[in-house]
Protein backbone atom coordinates (compact mmCIF):
# COMPACT_ATOMS: atom_id res chain seq x y z
CA MET A 1 -119.96 -268.59 -229.44
CA LYS A 2 -122.38 -266.38 -231.35
CA LYS A 3 -123.42 -269.39 -233.42
CA ILE A 4 -123.97 -271.54 -230.33
CA LEU A 5 -125.95 -269.02 -228.24
CA PRO A 6 -129.18 -269.18 -230.33
CA LEU A 7 -129.38 -272.91 -229.56
CA PHE A 8 -130.21 -272.09 -225.95
CA SER A 9 -133.37 -270.29 -227.11
CA TYR A 10 -134.57 -273.46 -228.80
CA VAL A 11 -133.41 -276.14 -226.36
CA PHE A 12 -134.76 -274.19 -223.38
CA HIS A 13 -137.84 -272.83 -225.10
CA PRO A 14 -140.63 -272.17 -222.53
CA ILE A 15 -142.73 -274.93 -224.06
CA PHE A 16 -140.26 -277.56 -222.80
CA ILE A 17 -139.73 -276.30 -219.24
CA PRO A 18 -142.79 -277.93 -217.54
CA ALA A 19 -141.77 -281.30 -219.00
CA MET A 20 -138.19 -280.77 -217.79
CA ALA A 21 -139.44 -279.84 -214.31
CA THR A 22 -141.67 -282.93 -214.25
CA MET A 23 -138.84 -285.21 -215.32
CA LEU A 24 -136.54 -283.84 -212.59
CA TYR A 25 -139.30 -283.99 -209.98
CA LEU A 26 -140.03 -287.63 -210.76
CA SER A 27 -136.35 -288.57 -210.79
CA PHE A 28 -135.81 -286.90 -207.40
CA ASN A 29 -138.77 -288.88 -206.02
CA ASP A 30 -137.72 -292.10 -207.66
CA ALA A 31 -138.67 -294.37 -204.75
CA GLU A 32 -142.07 -292.78 -204.14
CA PHE A 33 -143.69 -293.51 -207.49
CA ALA A 34 -143.95 -296.69 -209.53
CA PHE A 35 -142.47 -296.62 -213.02
CA GLN A 36 -145.90 -296.80 -214.65
CA GLU A 37 -147.14 -293.83 -212.62
CA LYS A 38 -144.06 -291.76 -213.48
CA LEU A 39 -144.51 -292.57 -217.15
CA PHE A 40 -148.20 -291.65 -216.99
CA VAL A 41 -147.55 -288.34 -215.21
CA PHE A 42 -144.76 -287.35 -217.57
CA PHE A 43 -146.86 -288.27 -220.59
CA GLN A 44 -149.75 -286.13 -219.32
CA VAL A 45 -147.51 -283.11 -218.84
CA LEU A 46 -145.84 -283.70 -222.21
CA VAL A 47 -149.19 -283.83 -224.03
CA VAL A 48 -150.70 -280.81 -222.29
CA THR A 49 -147.66 -278.52 -222.28
CA VAL A 50 -145.78 -279.57 -225.44
CA LEU A 51 -147.96 -281.46 -227.93
CA LEU A 52 -151.18 -279.45 -227.57
CA PRO A 53 -149.38 -276.05 -227.66
CA SER A 54 -147.47 -277.25 -230.74
CA LEU A 55 -150.76 -278.06 -232.48
CA ILE A 56 -152.18 -274.69 -231.42
CA PHE A 57 -149.05 -273.00 -232.80
CA LEU A 58 -149.44 -274.79 -236.15
CA LEU A 59 -153.09 -273.76 -236.32
CA LEU A 60 -152.33 -270.12 -235.47
CA ARG A 61 -149.50 -270.05 -237.99
CA THR A 62 -151.75 -271.53 -240.67
CA ILE A 63 -154.37 -268.81 -240.18
CA GLY A 64 -151.69 -266.11 -240.02
CA LYS A 65 -151.98 -265.12 -236.36
CA ILE A 66 -148.31 -265.82 -235.62
CA ASP A 67 -145.23 -266.15 -237.81
CA SER A 68 -142.62 -267.67 -235.49
CA ILE A 69 -142.38 -270.01 -232.52
CA MET A 70 -140.46 -267.22 -230.75
CA LEU A 71 -143.55 -264.92 -230.73
CA THR A 72 -141.53 -261.76 -231.24
CA GLU A 73 -144.49 -259.36 -231.55
CA VAL A 74 -146.64 -258.36 -228.57
CA SER A 75 -149.83 -258.89 -230.57
CA GLN A 76 -148.84 -262.48 -231.41
CA ARG A 77 -148.36 -263.50 -227.77
CA LYS A 78 -151.87 -262.99 -226.39
CA ILE A 79 -153.68 -266.00 -227.88
CA PRO A 80 -150.89 -268.54 -227.13
CA LEU A 81 -150.61 -267.29 -223.54
CA ILE A 82 -154.37 -267.51 -223.03
CA PHE A 83 -154.33 -271.09 -224.28
CA HIS A 84 -151.33 -271.81 -222.06
CA CYS A 85 -153.23 -270.55 -219.01
CA PHE A 86 -156.17 -272.85 -219.72
CA LEU A 87 -153.88 -275.84 -220.25
CA LEU A 88 -152.05 -275.20 -216.97
CA ILE A 89 -155.38 -274.88 -215.16
CA LEU A 90 -156.40 -278.23 -216.65
CA LEU A 91 -153.23 -279.83 -215.30
CA VAL A 92 -153.43 -278.47 -211.75
CA LYS A 93 -157.17 -279.17 -211.46
CA LYS A 94 -157.38 -282.61 -213.02
CA SER A 95 -153.98 -284.30 -213.18
CA ILE A 96 -151.17 -282.85 -211.07
CA THR A 97 -153.19 -282.54 -207.88
CA ILE A 98 -152.01 -281.05 -204.60
CA ASP A 99 -152.67 -284.21 -202.60
CA ARG A 100 -150.57 -286.54 -204.78
CA TYR A 101 -147.92 -284.28 -206.34
CA PRO A 102 -147.78 -281.18 -204.08
CA GLU A 103 -144.37 -279.83 -205.16
CA LEU A 104 -145.07 -280.19 -208.89
CA HIS A 105 -148.58 -278.84 -208.36
CA PHE A 106 -147.21 -275.63 -206.86
CA PHE A 107 -144.58 -275.33 -209.59
CA LEU A 108 -147.30 -275.43 -212.24
CA LEU A 109 -149.43 -273.05 -210.19
CA GLY A 110 -146.48 -270.66 -210.07
CA ALA A 111 -146.07 -271.04 -213.83
CA LEU A 112 -149.75 -270.18 -214.22
CA LEU A 113 -149.34 -267.03 -212.11
CA SER A 114 -146.29 -266.00 -214.14
CA THR A 115 -148.19 -266.55 -217.40
CA ILE A 116 -151.16 -264.51 -216.19
CA LEU A 117 -148.87 -261.63 -215.18
CA ALA A 118 -147.08 -261.75 -218.54
CA LEU A 119 -150.46 -261.75 -220.30
CA ILE A 120 -151.72 -258.76 -218.31
CA LEU A 121 -148.56 -256.81 -219.19
CA LEU A 122 -149.20 -257.46 -222.89
CA PHE A 123 -152.41 -255.44 -222.67
CA ILE A 124 -150.38 -252.40 -221.63
CA ASN A 125 -147.89 -253.16 -224.42
CA VAL A 126 -145.14 -254.46 -222.10
CA LYS A 127 -143.29 -257.57 -223.27
CA ALA A 128 -141.47 -259.79 -220.79
CA SER A 129 -139.11 -262.56 -221.85
CA LEU A 130 -141.01 -265.85 -221.72
CA HIS A 131 -137.69 -267.68 -221.91
CA MET A 132 -136.47 -265.98 -218.75
CA ILE A 133 -139.79 -266.61 -217.00
CA ALA A 134 -139.43 -270.31 -217.77
CA ILE A 135 -135.76 -270.85 -216.89
CA SER A 136 -135.87 -268.73 -213.71
CA SER A 137 -138.99 -270.54 -212.47
CA LEU A 138 -137.32 -273.91 -213.10
CA THR A 139 -134.20 -272.77 -211.23
CA VAL A 140 -136.13 -271.66 -208.14
CA PHE A 141 -138.21 -274.85 -208.22
CA ILE A 142 -135.15 -277.12 -208.31
CA ILE A 143 -133.47 -275.17 -205.51
CA GLY A 144 -136.63 -275.47 -203.40
CA LEU A 145 -137.09 -279.14 -204.25
CA SER A 146 -133.47 -279.90 -203.32
CA LEU A 147 -133.94 -278.19 -199.94
CA HIS A 148 -137.28 -279.91 -199.38
CA LEU A 149 -135.95 -283.40 -200.14
CA GLN A 150 -132.53 -282.65 -198.60
CA LEU A 151 -130.69 -283.53 -201.78
CA GLN A 152 -127.20 -282.42 -202.79
CA ASN A 153 -127.79 -281.00 -206.27
CA THR A 154 -124.99 -278.46 -206.32
CA LEU A 155 -123.91 -279.20 -209.89
CA LEU A 156 -127.45 -279.12 -211.25
CA ILE A 157 -128.29 -275.87 -209.45
CA THR A 158 -125.03 -274.29 -210.63
CA ALA A 159 -125.81 -275.39 -214.19
CA LEU A 160 -129.31 -273.90 -213.99
CA ILE A 161 -127.97 -270.59 -212.67
CA LEU A 162 -125.50 -270.50 -215.55
CA LEU A 163 -128.28 -271.38 -217.97
CA ASN A 164 -130.17 -268.26 -216.89
CA GLY A 165 -127.20 -266.28 -218.17
CA PHE A 166 -126.86 -268.31 -221.37
CA VAL A 167 -130.57 -268.03 -222.17
CA ALA A 168 -130.52 -264.28 -221.53
CA SER A 169 -127.43 -263.92 -223.74
CA SER A 170 -129.14 -266.01 -226.40
CA ARG A 171 -132.18 -263.73 -226.45
CA LEU A 172 -129.93 -260.67 -226.69
CA GLU A 173 -127.89 -262.26 -229.48
CA MET A 174 -131.09 -262.97 -231.41
CA GLU A 175 -132.23 -259.38 -230.76
CA ALA A 176 -135.49 -260.74 -229.36
CA HIS A 177 -135.47 -258.72 -226.12
CA THR A 178 -134.00 -255.73 -224.36
CA ASN A 179 -132.21 -255.98 -221.03
CA LYS A 180 -135.30 -254.65 -219.25
CA GLU A 181 -137.53 -257.32 -220.81
CA LEU A 182 -135.08 -260.03 -219.74
CA ILE A 183 -134.90 -258.73 -216.16
CA LEU A 184 -138.69 -258.42 -216.03
CA GLY A 185 -139.04 -261.99 -217.28
CA PHE A 186 -136.59 -263.26 -214.68
CA PHE A 187 -138.56 -261.73 -211.82
CA LEU A 188 -141.94 -262.77 -213.26
CA GLY A 189 -140.71 -266.36 -213.26
CA ALA A 190 -138.80 -266.41 -209.98
CA VAL A 191 -141.04 -264.39 -207.64
CA PRO A 192 -144.25 -266.51 -207.90
CA GLN A 193 -142.17 -269.65 -207.30
CA LEU A 194 -140.52 -268.05 -204.26
CA LEU A 195 -143.88 -266.94 -202.86
CA LEU A 196 -145.35 -270.42 -203.25
CA LEU A 197 -142.34 -272.12 -201.66
CA VAL A 198 -143.74 -271.32 -198.21
CA LEU A 199 -146.70 -273.59 -198.96
CA TRP A 200 -144.66 -276.73 -199.55
CA LEU A 201 -141.03 -276.24 -198.53
């Protein structure tokens, strides 16, 4: 089990969560969007939240600003999080608009709020688990989306709740976070999503 746990940190790395949320959102709204539109939306999110951050990571690693994709040091997290904020703003302002994709728009807006809070905490030398922010925000979003669309997603929601535990255990196994940092990350991810649910649920 100890050999398997670290895999959860890589498979459910925060960089992949917006794309996962988008894929689930589009699949839940299968009849509402044409295939070409779904492909275009997913590709936009993939480019902005996965490909561009990956290029930024490679650049920062090349110039010696970061040494790992896990961003273990507080000082290494500031620049990637600032870039992440700008990329999320780009998405919610230009692509994933409130009039066409309201639920996904508010998910990304919640992700932006979580990222800003995590960034602010870094300036007082407090590190929250970005993995827990990501997986908890996805869990709340899928629960809200299931209620909103009146879908029976019991197995998926159960799996996501379990994944919160597996991801947390993975971070502990890798000695990347303390219990407090994991709990803080969970609430930083879940609370903004819960607060924004009232705007679209």
